[in-house]
N, C-alpha and C. Protein backbone atom coordinates (compact mmCIF):
# COMPACT_ATOMS: atom_id res chain seq x y z
N MET A 1 -17.82 12.02 -33.64
CA MET A 1 -17.01 11.74 -32.24
C MET A 1 -15.95 11.46 -32.03
N GLN A 2 -15.12 11.66 -31.52
CA GLN A 2 -13.20 11.77 -31.55
C GLN A 2 -12.92 10.49 -30.56
N THR A 3 -12.08 9.64 -31.35
CA THR A 3 -11.80 8.55 -30.85
C THR A 3 -10.00 8.71 -30.33
N ARG A 4 -9.76 8.55 -29.36
CA ARG A 4 -8.34 8.57 -28.57
C ARG A 4 -7.18 7.56 -29.52
N PRO A 5 -5.60 7.99 -30.00
CA PRO A 5 -5.07 6.78 -30.81
C PRO A 5 -4.89 5.63 -29.24
N PRO A 6 -4.92 4.74 -29.35
CA PRO A 6 -4.00 3.48 -29.07
C PRO A 6 -2.70 3.81 -27.90
N PRO A 7 -3.01 3.86 -26.41
CA PRO A 7 -1.52 4.13 -25.63
C PRO A 7 -0.28 3.65 -25.86
N PRO A 8 0.39 4.01 -25.68
CA PRO A 8 1.80 3.44 -26.07
C PRO A 8 2.22 2.29 -25.46
N ALA A 9 3.01 1.23 -26.25
CA ALA A 9 3.91 0.14 -25.30
C ALA A 9 4.19 0.20 -23.81
N ALA A 10 4.90 1.43 -23.48
CA ALA A 10 5.35 1.60 -22.70
C ALA A 10 4.32 1.89 -20.94
N PRO A 11 3.65 2.54 -21.22
CA PRO A 11 2.28 2.64 -20.39
C PRO A 11 1.48 1.30 -20.33
N GLN A 12 1.51 0.47 -21.13
CA GLN A 12 0.69 -1.37 -20.80
C GLN A 12 1.64 -1.81 -20.10
N ALA A 13 2.81 -2.07 -20.65
CA ALA A 13 3.76 -2.90 -19.98
C ALA A 13 3.45 -2.07 -18.55
N LEU A 14 3.76 -0.94 -18.23
CA LEU A 14 3.52 -0.75 -16.72
C LEU A 14 2.64 -0.94 -15.90
N ARG A 15 1.14 -0.94 -16.95
CA ARG A 15 0.11 -1.39 -16.32
C ARG A 15 0.25 -2.88 -16.18
N ARG A 16 0.58 -3.35 -16.88
CA ARG A 16 0.59 -4.84 -16.61
C ARG A 16 2.12 -5.08 -15.42
N ALA A 17 2.90 -4.38 -15.28
CA ALA A 17 3.63 -4.70 -14.51
C ALA A 17 2.89 -4.36 -12.69
N LEU A 18 2.04 -3.18 -12.77
CA LEU A 18 1.28 -2.89 -11.33
C LEU A 18 0.39 -3.73 -11.15
N ASP A 19 -0.19 -4.09 -12.11
CA ASP A 19 -1.32 -5.35 -11.92
C ASP A 19 -0.42 -6.96 -11.11
N PHE A 20 0.52 -7.04 -11.95
CA PHE A 20 1.13 -8.32 -11.15
C PHE A 20 1.50 -7.63 -9.52
N VAL A 21 1.80 -6.54 -9.54
CA VAL A 21 2.44 -5.72 -7.69
C VAL A 21 1.04 -6.07 -7.41
N PHE A 22 -0.12 -5.78 -7.23
CA PHE A 22 -1.34 -5.44 -7.22
C PHE A 22 -1.96 -6.88 -6.76
N ARG A 23 -1.68 -7.69 -7.54
CA ARG A 23 -1.92 -9.43 -7.31
C ARG A 23 -1.33 -9.79 -6.09
N VAL A 24 0.12 -9.50 -5.69
CA VAL A 24 0.91 -10.33 -5.09
C VAL A 24 0.82 -9.52 -3.68
N GLN A 25 1.19 -8.25 -3.79
CA GLN A 25 0.09 -7.51 -2.41
C GLN A 25 -1.23 -8.29 -1.72
N GLY A 26 -1.91 -8.85 -2.62
CA GLY A 26 -3.30 -9.05 -2.42
C GLY A 26 -2.79 -10.38 -1.78
N TRP A 27 -2.08 -11.57 -2.32
CA TRP A 27 -1.67 -12.71 -1.56
C TRP A 27 -1.06 -12.91 -0.26
N LEU A 28 -0.50 -11.71 -0.60
CA LEU A 28 0.21 -11.44 0.91
C LEU A 28 -0.66 -10.91 2.27
N MET A 29 -1.55 -10.09 1.60
CA MET A 29 -2.31 -9.72 2.67
C MET A 29 -3.18 -11.06 2.86
N VAL A 30 -3.34 -11.88 1.87
CA VAL A 30 -4.13 -12.95 2.55
C VAL A 30 -3.23 -13.92 3.40
N GLY A 31 -2.08 -14.23 3.06
CA GLY A 31 -0.83 -14.52 4.35
C GLY A 31 -0.82 -13.93 5.59
N CYS A 32 -1.12 -12.77 5.44
CA CYS A 32 -0.82 -12.27 6.73
C CYS A 32 -2.18 -12.54 7.76
N LEU A 33 -3.26 -12.22 7.17
CA LEU A 33 -4.75 -12.57 7.45
C LEU A 33 -4.71 -14.42 8.04
N ALA A 34 -4.23 -14.98 6.73
CA ALA A 34 -4.18 -16.41 7.08
C ALA A 34 -3.12 -16.83 8.54
N VAL A 35 -2.34 -16.10 8.77
CA VAL A 35 -1.68 -16.80 9.87
C VAL A 35 -1.74 -15.75 11.09
N MET A 36 -2.48 -15.00 11.17
CA MET A 36 -3.36 -14.55 12.37
C MET A 36 -4.24 -15.27 12.40
N VAL A 37 -4.73 -15.47 11.80
CA VAL A 37 -6.18 -16.70 11.90
C VAL A 37 -5.42 -17.61 12.26
N VAL A 38 -4.90 -18.96 11.80
CA VAL A 38 -4.47 -20.08 12.51
C VAL A 38 -3.37 -19.56 13.87
N LEU A 39 -2.93 -18.74 14.01
CA LEU A 39 -2.20 -18.03 15.09
C LEU A 39 -2.81 -18.03 16.44
N LEU A 40 -3.68 -17.03 16.59
CA LEU A 40 -4.62 -17.08 17.39
C LEU A 40 -6.08 -18.00 17.55
N PHE A 41 -6.17 -18.33 16.71
CA PHE A 41 -7.12 -19.49 16.89
C PHE A 41 -6.53 -20.50 17.77
N GLY A 42 -5.11 -21.27 17.11
CA GLY A 42 -4.96 -22.19 17.56
C GLY A 42 -4.33 -22.09 19.24
N ASN A 43 -3.81 -20.51 19.75
CA ASN A 43 -3.52 -20.24 20.70
C ASN A 43 -5.00 -20.57 21.76
N VAL A 44 -5.91 -19.77 20.95
CA VAL A 44 -7.44 -19.84 22.32
C VAL A 44 -7.40 -21.23 22.47
N ALA A 45 -7.52 -22.40 20.63
CA ALA A 45 -8.04 -23.60 21.35
C ALA A 45 -6.54 -24.06 22.08
N LEU A 46 -5.84 -23.81 22.15
CA LEU A 46 -4.45 -24.35 22.96
C LEU A 46 -4.76 -24.56 24.12
N ARG A 47 -5.31 -22.88 24.87
CA ARG A 47 -5.19 -22.41 26.08
C ARG A 47 -6.15 -23.60 26.66
N TYR A 48 -7.78 -23.02 26.09
CA TYR A 48 -9.05 -23.60 26.47
C TYR A 48 -8.72 -24.99 26.78
N ALA A 49 -8.20 -25.72 25.70
CA ALA A 49 -8.31 -27.34 25.65
C ALA A 49 -7.03 -28.27 26.76
N PHE A 50 -6.28 -27.40 26.54
CA PHE A 50 -4.51 -28.37 27.33
C PHE A 50 -3.88 -27.49 27.95
N ASN A 51 -4.84 -25.60 28.71
CA ASN A 51 -4.06 -25.31 29.45
C ASN A 51 -2.92 -24.56 28.79
N SER A 52 -2.11 -24.33 27.63
CA SER A 52 -0.66 -24.32 27.30
C SER A 52 -1.41 -23.38 26.12
N GLY A 53 -0.10 -22.78 25.37
CA GLY A 53 -0.40 -22.16 24.07
C GLY A 53 0.85 -21.94 23.63
N ILE A 54 1.11 -20.89 21.98
CA ILE A 54 2.05 -20.94 21.50
C ILE A 54 2.77 -19.76 21.99
N ASN A 55 3.98 -19.80 22.20
CA ASN A 55 4.72 -18.71 22.97
C ASN A 55 4.53 -17.39 21.47
N VAL A 56 5.22 -18.05 20.87
CA VAL A 56 5.35 -16.98 19.60
C VAL A 56 4.08 -16.23 19.23
N SER A 57 2.68 -16.86 19.75
CA SER A 57 1.86 -16.62 18.79
C SER A 57 1.36 -14.58 18.82
N ASP A 58 1.36 -14.34 19.87
CA ASP A 58 1.35 -13.15 20.36
C ASP A 58 2.04 -11.67 19.16
N GLU A 59 3.09 -11.75 19.39
CA GLU A 59 4.20 -11.43 18.28
C GLU A 59 3.82 -11.41 16.97
N VAL A 60 3.87 -12.60 16.51
CA VAL A 60 4.15 -12.90 15.07
C VAL A 60 2.83 -12.46 14.75
N SER A 61 1.54 -12.46 15.66
CA SER A 61 0.42 -12.05 15.43
C SER A 61 0.05 -10.74 15.09
N ARG A 62 0.83 -10.50 15.87
CA ARG A 62 0.91 -8.43 15.87
C ARG A 62 1.53 -7.72 14.47
N LEU A 63 2.87 -8.51 14.62
CA LEU A 63 3.78 -8.31 13.43
C LEU A 63 2.67 -8.29 11.82
N ALA A 64 1.97 -9.31 11.84
CA ALA A 64 1.13 -9.82 10.39
C ALA A 64 0.12 -9.03 10.59
N PHE A 65 -0.40 -8.48 11.60
CA PHE A 65 -1.65 -7.29 11.75
C PHE A 65 -0.54 -5.67 11.00
N VAL A 66 0.05 -5.64 11.73
CA VAL A 66 1.03 -4.56 11.36
C VAL A 66 0.84 -4.66 9.60
N TRP A 67 1.97 -5.63 9.19
CA TRP A 67 2.00 -5.89 7.78
C TRP A 67 0.58 -5.80 6.84
N LEU A 68 -0.15 -6.05 7.45
CA LEU A 68 -1.55 -5.98 6.99
C LEU A 68 -2.02 -4.63 6.53
N ILE A 69 -2.54 -4.33 7.43
CA ILE A 69 -2.33 -2.76 7.72
C ILE A 69 -1.60 -1.94 6.55
N PHE A 70 -0.57 -1.82 6.58
CA PHE A 70 0.43 -1.38 5.33
C PHE A 70 -0.02 -1.85 4.05
N ILE A 71 0.27 -2.72 4.10
CA ILE A 71 0.01 -3.74 2.50
C ILE A 71 -1.64 -3.05 2.11
N GLY A 72 -2.85 -2.78 2.81
CA GLY A 72 -3.68 -2.37 2.49
C GLY A 72 -3.84 -1.38 2.20
N SER A 73 -3.08 -0.28 2.75
CA SER A 73 -2.78 1.40 2.56
C SER A 73 -2.17 1.16 0.73
N VAL A 74 -1.06 0.62 0.60
CA VAL A 74 -0.54 0.57 -0.77
C VAL A 74 -2.05 0.41 -1.68
N LEU A 75 -2.41 -0.88 -1.48
CA LEU A 75 -3.75 -1.49 -1.87
C LEU A 75 -4.66 -0.30 -2.73
N ALA A 76 -4.53 0.92 -1.28
CA ALA A 76 -5.62 1.70 -1.86
C ALA A 76 -5.26 2.93 -2.08
N VAL A 77 -3.80 2.59 -2.05
CA VAL A 77 -3.14 3.91 -3.10
C VAL A 77 -3.38 3.60 -3.98
N ARG A 78 -3.24 2.52 -4.60
CA ARG A 78 -3.39 2.26 -5.75
C ARG A 78 -4.59 2.12 -6.71
N SER A 79 -5.50 1.49 -5.79
CA SER A 79 -7.47 1.82 -6.19
C SER A 79 -7.93 3.30 -5.92
N HIS A 80 -7.36 4.12 -5.69
CA HIS A 80 -7.46 5.52 -5.40
C HIS A 80 -8.92 5.21 -4.63
N THR A 81 -8.49 4.66 -3.49
CA THR A 81 -9.70 4.65 -2.70
C THR A 81 -9.46 4.99 -1.12
N HIS A 82 -8.58 5.66 -1.16
CA HIS A 82 -8.43 6.52 0.00
C HIS A 82 -9.23 7.90 0.23
N MET A 83 -9.64 8.25 1.26
CA MET A 83 -10.52 9.64 1.38
C MET A 83 -10.11 10.77 0.31
N GLY A 84 -10.98 11.22 0.31
CA GLY A 84 -11.18 12.23 -1.05
C GLY A 84 -12.21 13.03 -1.21
N VAL A 85 -12.35 13.99 -1.40
CA VAL A 85 -13.29 15.36 -1.59
C VAL A 85 -12.93 15.82 -2.86
N THR A 86 -13.77 15.31 -3.62
CA THR A 86 -14.04 15.67 -5.47
C THR A 86 -15.02 16.76 -5.74
N MET A 87 -15.70 17.61 -4.95
CA MET A 87 -17.07 18.18 -5.47
C MET A 87 -16.43 18.85 -6.36
N LEU A 88 -14.87 19.64 -5.65
CA LEU A 88 -14.59 20.70 -6.82
C LEU A 88 -14.28 20.13 -7.86
N VAL A 89 -13.31 19.26 -7.84
CA VAL A 89 -12.54 18.59 -9.10
C VAL A 89 -13.39 17.89 -10.27
N GLU A 90 -14.48 17.74 -9.58
CA GLU A 90 -15.36 17.17 -10.51
C GLU A 90 -16.11 17.77 -11.84
N ARG A 91 -16.19 19.66 -10.94
CA ARG A 91 -16.54 20.76 -11.90
C ARG A 91 -15.08 20.98 -13.01
N PHE A 92 -14.32 20.53 -12.94
CA PHE A 92 -13.19 21.18 -13.72
C PHE A 92 -13.36 20.42 -14.61
N GLY A 93 -12.56 20.89 -15.92
CA GLY A 93 -12.53 20.43 -17.23
C GLY A 93 -11.58 19.35 -17.52
N PRO A 94 -10.52 19.20 -18.34
CA PRO A 94 -10.58 17.67 -18.50
C PRO A 94 -8.55 18.39 -18.41
N GLY A 95 -8.50 19.75 -19.03
CA GLY A 95 -7.26 20.09 -18.41
C GLY A 95 -6.94 20.93 -17.50
N ALA A 96 -8.08 21.12 -16.12
CA ALA A 96 -7.87 21.54 -15.01
C ALA A 96 -7.94 20.41 -14.30
N ARG A 97 -8.36 19.65 -14.71
CA ARG A 97 -8.48 18.08 -13.99
C ARG A 97 -7.04 17.50 -13.94
N ARG A 98 -6.40 17.32 -14.72
CA ARG A 98 -5.20 16.79 -15.18
C ARG A 98 -4.08 17.49 -14.53
N ALA A 99 -4.09 18.79 -14.50
CA ALA A 99 -2.99 19.90 -13.91
C ALA A 99 -3.49 19.94 -12.56
N SER A 100 -4.35 19.63 -11.54
CA SER A 100 -4.84 19.68 -10.35
C SER A 100 -4.28 17.88 -9.96
N HIS A 101 -4.68 16.72 -11.14
CA HIS A 101 -4.28 15.81 -10.04
C HIS A 101 -2.93 15.91 -10.32
N LEU A 102 -1.89 16.49 -11.39
CA LEU A 102 -0.58 16.16 -11.06
C LEU A 102 0.16 16.98 -9.92
N PHE A 103 -0.62 18.06 -9.84
CA PHE A 103 -0.26 18.72 -8.34
C PHE A 103 -0.05 18.22 -7.39
N CYS A 104 -1.55 17.62 -7.04
CA CYS A 104 -1.73 16.49 -6.05
C CYS A 104 -0.67 15.45 -5.71
N GLN A 105 -0.40 14.69 -6.67
CA GLN A 105 0.05 13.76 -6.90
C GLN A 105 1.94 14.13 -6.53
N VAL A 106 2.21 15.20 -6.96
CA VAL A 106 3.61 15.73 -6.50
C VAL A 106 3.33 16.29 -5.07
N LEU A 107 2.52 16.92 -4.92
CA LEU A 107 2.42 17.10 -2.70
C LEU A 107 2.44 15.41 -2.30
N ILE A 108 1.86 14.70 -3.24
CA ILE A 108 1.84 13.02 -2.33
C ILE A 108 3.05 12.75 -2.13
N LEU A 109 3.79 13.08 -3.43
CA LEU A 109 5.44 12.27 -3.30
C LEU A 109 6.35 12.60 -2.46
N ALA A 110 6.05 14.31 -2.42
CA ALA A 110 6.69 15.08 -1.32
C ALA A 110 6.24 14.09 -0.15
N VAL A 111 5.07 14.58 0.30
CA VAL A 111 5.10 13.78 1.70
C VAL A 111 5.85 12.22 1.91
N LEU A 112 5.06 11.38 1.05
CA LEU A 112 6.11 9.95 0.67
C LEU A 112 7.20 10.24 1.13
N CYS A 113 8.06 11.21 0.47
CA CYS A 113 9.70 10.98 0.67
C CYS A 113 10.17 11.64 1.86
N MET A 114 9.06 12.58 2.73
CA MET A 114 9.38 12.23 4.57
C MET A 114 9.00 11.44 5.01
N PHE A 115 8.07 10.30 4.50
CA PHE A 115 7.49 9.40 5.41
C PHE A 115 8.62 8.41 5.26
N ILE A 116 9.20 8.56 4.19
CA ILE A 116 10.05 7.02 3.96
C ILE A 116 11.53 7.78 4.54
N LYS A 117 11.60 8.80 4.87
CA LYS A 117 13.14 8.84 5.47
C LYS A 117 12.93 8.63 6.90
N GLY A 118 11.89 8.96 7.56
CA GLY A 118 11.59 9.12 8.89
C GLY A 118 11.42 7.01 9.33
N SER A 119 10.52 6.46 8.15
CA SER A 119 10.56 5.04 7.83
C SER A 119 11.98 4.33 8.26
N TRP A 120 12.79 5.50 7.49
CA TRP A 120 13.81 4.57 7.16
C TRP A 120 15.14 4.82 8.88
N GLU A 121 14.38 5.65 9.15
CA GLU A 121 15.34 6.57 10.11
C GLU A 121 14.99 5.39 11.52
N GLN A 122 13.69 5.01 11.71
CA GLN A 122 13.18 4.32 12.54
C GLN A 122 13.91 2.90 12.58
N THR A 123 13.51 2.48 11.48
CA THR A 123 14.37 0.97 10.59
C THR A 123 15.76 0.61 11.41
N VAL A 124 16.21 1.62 11.15
CA VAL A 124 17.49 1.82 11.32
C VAL A 124 17.94 1.99 13.26
N ILE A 125 17.36 2.24 13.74
CA ILE A 125 17.42 2.62 15.41
C ILE A 125 16.82 0.86 15.86
N ALA A 126 15.75 0.92 15.35
CA ALA A 126 15.49 -0.50 15.63
C ALA A 126 15.62 -1.89 15.54
N MET A 127 16.79 -1.80 14.96
CA MET A 127 17.52 -2.78 14.27
C MET A 127 18.25 -3.51 15.40
N GLY A 128 18.64 -2.98 16.25
CA GLY A 128 19.38 -3.04 17.90
C GLY A 128 18.32 -3.35 18.41
N THR A 129 17.09 -2.84 18.21
CA THR A 129 16.76 -3.76 19.79
C THR A 129 15.45 -5.04 19.04
N ARG A 130 15.38 -6.28 20.32
CA ARG A 130 15.02 -7.49 19.68
C ARG A 130 13.44 -7.88 20.19
N LEU A 131 13.10 -8.09 19.60
CA LEU A 131 11.68 -8.79 20.19
C LEU A 131 11.57 -10.15 21.67
N PRO A 132 10.82 -9.82 22.32
CA PRO A 132 11.49 -10.52 23.32
C PRO A 132 11.17 -12.03 22.94
N VAL A 133 10.16 -12.30 22.15
CA VAL A 133 10.01 -13.59 22.67
C VAL A 133 10.76 -14.43 21.15
N THR A 134 10.40 -13.20 19.96
CA THR A 134 11.10 -14.34 18.81
C THR A 134 12.10 -14.36 18.56
N GLY A 135 12.68 -13.14 19.09
CA GLY A 135 13.85 -12.40 19.05
C GLY A 135 14.31 -12.37 17.71
N MET A 136 13.38 -11.27 16.87
CA MET A 136 13.25 -10.97 15.48
C MET A 136 13.58 -9.31 15.98
N PRO A 137 14.44 -8.34 15.15
CA PRO A 137 14.58 -7.81 15.57
C PRO A 137 12.92 -6.76 14.99
N ALA A 138 12.87 -5.44 16.24
CA ALA A 138 11.99 -4.78 16.12
C ALA A 138 11.84 -4.03 14.97
N ALA A 139 12.43 -3.71 14.14
CA ALA A 139 12.73 -2.90 12.61
C ALA A 139 11.66 -3.55 12.41
N THR A 140 11.55 -4.99 12.37
CA THR A 140 10.69 -5.41 11.20
C THR A 140 9.02 -4.73 11.31
N PHE A 141 8.77 -4.09 12.61
CA PHE A 141 7.67 -3.39 12.64
C PHE A 141 8.05 -2.14 11.50
N ALA A 142 8.78 -1.37 11.61
CA ALA A 142 9.15 0.06 11.11
C ALA A 142 9.76 -0.28 9.40
N ALA A 143 9.71 -2.09 9.30
CA ALA A 143 10.07 -2.18 8.22
C ALA A 143 8.72 -2.21 7.32
N ALA A 144 7.14 -2.12 7.57
CA ALA A 144 5.94 -1.98 7.01
C ALA A 144 5.64 -0.93 6.87
N CYS A 145 6.49 0.00 7.48
CA CYS A 145 5.69 1.41 7.19
C CYS A 145 7.14 1.90 6.22
N LEU A 146 8.49 1.60 5.99
CA LEU A 146 8.88 1.54 4.86
C LEU A 146 8.45 1.20 3.79
N TYR A 147 8.67 -0.12 3.89
CA TYR A 147 7.76 -0.77 2.42
C TYR A 147 6.86 -0.18 2.17
N ALA A 148 6.09 0.34 2.62
CA ALA A 148 4.54 0.89 2.27
C ALA A 148 4.67 2.58 2.03
N GLY A 149 5.74 2.97 2.42
CA GLY A 149 6.01 4.45 2.07
C GLY A 149 6.87 4.32 0.40
N VAL A 150 7.27 3.61 -0.18
CA VAL A 150 8.26 3.32 -1.06
C VAL A 150 7.51 3.06 -2.11
N ALA A 151 6.58 1.64 -1.84
CA ALA A 151 5.75 1.29 -2.52
C ALA A 151 4.40 1.63 -3.10
N MET A 152 3.88 3.16 -1.87
CA MET A 152 3.49 4.45 -2.28
C MET A 152 3.46 5.06 -3.15
N ALA A 153 4.62 5.52 -2.95
CA ALA A 153 5.50 6.22 -3.67
C ALA A 153 6.24 5.80 -5.02
N LEU A 154 6.28 4.32 -5.31
CA LEU A 154 6.01 4.18 -6.64
C LEU A 154 4.87 3.95 -7.67
N LEU A 155 3.82 3.92 -6.95
CA LEU A 155 2.59 3.79 -7.45
C LEU A 155 2.04 5.24 -7.42
N THR A 156 2.45 6.43 -6.87
CA THR A 156 2.82 7.40 -7.38
C THR A 156 3.05 7.96 -8.57
N LEU A 157 4.67 7.81 -8.56
CA LEU A 157 5.15 7.85 -9.56
C LEU A 157 4.82 7.33 -10.91
N ALA A 158 4.15 5.77 -10.81
CA ALA A 158 3.32 5.19 -11.61
C ALA A 158 2.42 6.10 -12.46
N ASP A 159 1.70 6.75 -11.64
CA ASP A 159 -0.02 7.61 -11.51
C ASP A 159 0.57 8.61 -12.46
N ILE A 160 1.65 9.29 -12.29
CA ILE A 160 2.32 10.48 -12.69
C ILE A 160 2.75 10.51 -14.18
N ILE A 161 3.38 9.04 -14.30
CA ILE A 161 3.86 8.50 -16.00
C ILE A 161 2.50 8.77 -16.50
N LEU A 162 1.72 7.80 -16.13
CA LEU A 162 0.42 7.55 -16.52
C LEU A 162 -0.37 8.68 -17.02
N THR A 163 -0.47 9.73 -16.40
CA THR A 163 -1.03 10.40 -16.75
C THR A 163 -0.35 11.88 -17.74
N LEU A 164 0.75 11.96 -17.40
CA LEU A 164 1.41 12.79 -18.37
C LEU A 164 1.63 11.83 -19.84
N ALA A 165 1.63 10.44 -19.89
CA ALA A 165 1.29 9.86 -21.62
C ALA A 165 -0.24 9.96 -21.74
N GLY A 166 -1.00 10.18 -20.93
CA GLY A 166 -2.65 10.71 -21.66
C GLY A 166 -3.47 9.66 -20.75
N ALA A 167 -3.00 9.57 -19.77
CA ALA A 167 -4.35 8.56 -19.27
C ALA A 167 -5.12 9.72 -18.64
N GLU A 168 -6.58 9.29 -18.86
CA GLU A 168 -7.27 10.23 -17.74
C GLU A 168 -6.92 10.50 -16.94
N PRO A 169 -7.13 11.48 -15.68
CA PRO A 169 -6.93 11.36 -14.08
C PRO A 169 -7.89 10.92 -13.68
N PRO A 170 -7.52 9.78 -12.75
CA PRO A 170 -8.58 9.08 -12.00
C PRO A 170 -9.34 10.75 -10.84
N LEU A 171 -10.77 10.59 -10.27
CA LEU A 171 -11.28 11.05 -9.53
C LEU A 171 -10.63 9.94 -8.18
N ASP A 172 -10.38 10.95 -7.32
CA ASP A 172 -10.15 9.71 -5.82
C ASP A 172 -11.09 9.40 -5.22
N ALA A 173 -11.24 8.27 -4.54
CA ALA A 173 -12.26 7.65 -3.70
C ALA A 173 -13.23 6.78 -4.65
N SER A 174 -12.87 7.17 -6.34
CA SER A 174 -13.91 6.67 -7.33
C SER A 174 -14.09 4.74 -6.77
N ALA A 175 -15.44 4.62 -7.23
CA ALA A 175 -15.45 3.07 -7.28
C ALA A 175 -14.84 2.31 -8.08
N VAL A 176 -14.03 3.01 -9.47
CA VAL A 176 -13.66 2.50 -10.68
C VAL A 176 -12.57 2.29 -10.26
N ASP A 177 -11.59 0.69 -10.95
CA ASP A 177 -10.33 0.71 -10.39
C ASP A 177 -9.82 2.09 -11.89
N PRO A 178 -8.77 3.09 -11.72
CA PRO A 178 -8.25 4.11 -12.73
C PRO A 178 -7.05 3.50 -13.89
N LEU A 179 -6.59 2.37 -13.32
CA LEU A 179 -5.41 1.27 -13.44
C LEU A 179 -5.76 0.35 -14.66
N THR A 180 -6.95 0.23 -14.74
CA THR A 180 -7.60 -0.85 -15.06
C THR A 180 -7.99 -0.49 -16.32
């Protein structure tokens, strides 16, 4: 049985950095969910009990929900849990699997570049518009798209680097975290 040499130090440092970012994003999702629950429950309770409410509740909850969705999409890219059809790739040998994985990652990176460009344009356009209750720029919604696009592009680049460094390419939609 042939054993693989240990991976170089650079990919290990990259893996640790990705793990840290993964944990931070998980906590950001928890924060968004907590904000939504507290504001919405508090608003319902205040309206029922005191016939009043929290003015900013709807806008901030909607903002937290949008950010929650886009952070979740970044985490799904990292764990390869977005929908994928693997019945052909599963039949490939290691070399063909690696080549097809790299090709797909380059295509994903190209699409993410277009997504980032569009998100940037929307963020810039929305900077001049204010939300009616909180007064925050409407760009805070478009910034969630921009954040997700940049984070997914960085994760895709990291995946390409790890694959080129010798890591086994993951099967998309697999239950196993490929970066651990």
